[in-house]
Amino acid sequence: MPTVIIALGVALVLFLAARQLYKDKKKGKSLCGGKCSCCPNGCACHGKVKK
């Protein structure tokens, strides 16, 4: 029984995290929280970054 409770807790945390990421993406917020101009993957995330 404890294994089921722990598994449900982990599943709930993962669901809430995924839901928050989805909501943030819909609002146009950055998922990484960093500065895109310094990021080596800035072009992949948001197109061309002005320097």
Protein backbone atom coordinates (compact mmCIF):
# COMPACT_ATOMS: atom_id res chain seq x y z
CA MET A 1 0.00 0.00 0.00
CA PRO A 2 2.76 2.56 0.73
CA THR A 3 4.21 1.98 -2.74
CA VAL A 4 0.89 2.91 -4.35
CA ILE A 5 0.63 6.09 -2.26
CA ILE A 6 4.18 7.15 -3.14
CA ALA A 7 3.59 6.39 -6.84
CA LEU A 8 0.41 8.49 -6.83
CA GLY A 9 2.27 11.34 -5.11
CA VAL A 10 5.05 11.28 -7.69
CA ALA A 11 2.52 11.13 -10.53
CA LEU A 12 0.68 14.13 -9.06
CA VAL A 13 3.89 16.17 -8.80
CA LEU A 14 4.83 15.32 -12.39
CA PHE A 15 1.33 16.23 -13.60
CA LEU A 16 1.39 19.59 -11.81
CA ALA A 17 4.86 20.41 -13.18
CA ALA A 18 3.84 19.53 -16.74
CA ARG A 19 0.65 21.57 -16.40
CA GLN A 20 2.62 24.61 -15.22
CA LEU A 21 5.08 24.30 -18.11
CA TYR A 22 2.17 24.08 -20.56
CA LYS A 23 0.49 27.16 -19.09
CA ASP A 24 3.74 29.13 -19.16
CA LYS A 25 4.39 28.15 -22.78
CA LYS A 26 0.88 29.30 -23.77
CA LYS A 27 1.53 32.67 -22.07
CA GLY A 28 4.82 33.02 -23.97
CA LYS A 29 7.06 32.76 -20.92
CA SER A 30 10.53 31.34 -21.32
CA LEU A 31 10.86 27.82 -19.99
CA CYS A 32 14.50 28.08 -18.99
CA GLY A 33 14.32 31.38 -17.11
CA GLY A 34 17.69 32.53 -18.37
CA LYS A 35 18.89 35.35 -20.62
CA CYS A 36 18.45 34.29 -24.23
CA SER A 37 21.22 36.55 -25.55
CA CYS A 38 23.81 34.57 -23.55
CA CYS A 39 22.33 31.16 -24.28
CA PRO A 40 24.00 28.99 -26.95
CA ASN A 41 20.55 27.58 -27.82
CA GLY A 42 18.84 30.98 -27.97
CA CYS A 43 18.32 30.71 -31.73
CA ALA A 44 16.67 27.32 -31.38
CA CYS A 45 14.19 28.54 -28.77
CA HIS A 46 13.13 31.93 -30.08
CA GLY A 47 14.54 32.33 -33.54
CA LYS A 48 17.38 34.77 -34.16
CA VAL A 49 18.47 36.66 -31.06
CA LYS A 50 19.59 40.26 -31.46
CA LYS A 51 22.98 40.90 -29.91
